[in-house]
Amino acid sequence: MKTLNIIGLIILIIGGLNWLLVGLFEYDVVSEIFDGSDTVGAKIVYIIVGLSALYALSFFTKISAED
């Protein structure tokens, strides 16, 4: 389970950095890699990042259980 947590956080951080680049410089790394944000590859990456964010919501219960 710890490995899944680490992978989820890494994906979420990479996705967050991509959004930082979009916000600051209007440069979407995922879109550049897959030649557009409407391609299947880009959509898969966006879905994986979104699922990682949903999985990260479970961290709140772990944090509150530690208190």
Protein backbone atom coordinates (compact mmCIF):
# COMPACT_ATOMS: atom_id res chain seq x y z
CA MET A 1 0.00 0.00 0.00
CA LYS A 2 2.91 2.34 0.73
CA THR A 3 4.16 1.87 -2.83
CA LEU A 4 0.76 2.83 -4.24
CA ASN A 5 0.76 5.95 -2.05
CA ILE A 6 4.18 6.98 -3.35
CA ILE A 7 3.23 6.36 -6.99
CA GLY A 8 0.00 8.30 -6.54
CA LEU A 9 1.81 11.24 -5.00
CA ILE A 10 4.48 11.29 -7.71
CA ILE A 11 1.84 11.31 -10.45
CA LEU A 12 -0.07 14.03 -8.63
CA ILE A 13 3.04 16.18 -8.21
CA ILE A 14 3.95 15.80 -11.89
CA GLY A 15 0.39 16.76 -12.84
CA GLY A 16 0.53 19.74 -10.52
CA LEU A 17 3.80 20.90 -12.06
CA ASN A 18 2.23 20.60 -15.50
CA TRP A 19 -0.64 22.84 -14.36
CA LEU A 20 1.89 25.30 -12.94
CA LEU A 21 3.50 25.53 -16.36
CA VAL A 22 0.09 25.96 -17.98
CA GLY A 23 -0.80 28.76 -15.57
CA LEU A 24 2.48 30.63 -15.76
CA PHE A 25 3.61 30.10 -19.33
CA GLU A 26 0.61 28.58 -21.15
CA TYR A 27 2.82 25.55 -21.90
CA ASP A 28 1.21 22.13 -21.52
CA VAL A 29 3.89 19.43 -21.39
CA VAL A 30 1.40 16.59 -21.86
CA SER A 31 -0.09 18.29 -24.89
CA GLU A 32 3.38 18.79 -26.36
CA ILE A 33 4.37 15.16 -25.83
CA PHE A 34 1.19 13.79 -27.42
CA ASP A 35 0.77 16.45 -30.16
CA GLY A 36 -2.40 17.94 -28.72
CA SER A 37 -4.62 17.70 -25.69
CA ASP A 38 -7.39 15.93 -27.63
CA THR A 39 -5.32 12.85 -28.47
CA VAL A 40 -5.96 9.51 -26.82
CA GLY A 41 -2.53 9.47 -25.13
CA ALA A 42 -3.01 12.89 -23.58
CA LYS A 43 -6.50 12.00 -22.35
CA ILE A 44 -5.12 8.84 -20.73
CA VAL A 45 -2.47 10.87 -18.92
CA TYR A 46 -5.08 13.40 -17.76
CA ILE A 47 -7.30 10.58 -16.50
CA ILE A 48 -4.41 8.96 -14.62
CA VAL A 49 -3.56 12.27 -12.95
CA GLY A 50 -7.23 12.78 -12.04
CA LEU A 51 -7.48 9.28 -10.58
CA SER A 52 -4.34 9.97 -8.55
CA ALA A 53 -5.98 13.08 -7.17
CA LEU A 54 -9.07 11.09 -6.21
CA TYR A 55 -6.86 8.47 -4.56
CA ALA A 56 -5.02 11.24 -2.67
CA LEU A 57 -8.31 12.18 -1.04
CA SER A 58 -7.95 8.99 0.99
CA PHE A 59 -4.84 10.49 2.61
CA PHE A 60 -7.10 12.79 4.66
CA THR A 61 -8.48 9.84 6.59
CA LYS A 62 -4.95 8.57 7.23
CA ILE A 63 -3.81 11.98 8.44
CA SER A 64 -6.79 12.42 10.76
CA ALA A 65 -6.31 8.89 12.11
CA GLU A 66 -2.74 9.78 13.15
CA ASP A 67 -3.92 12.67 15.36
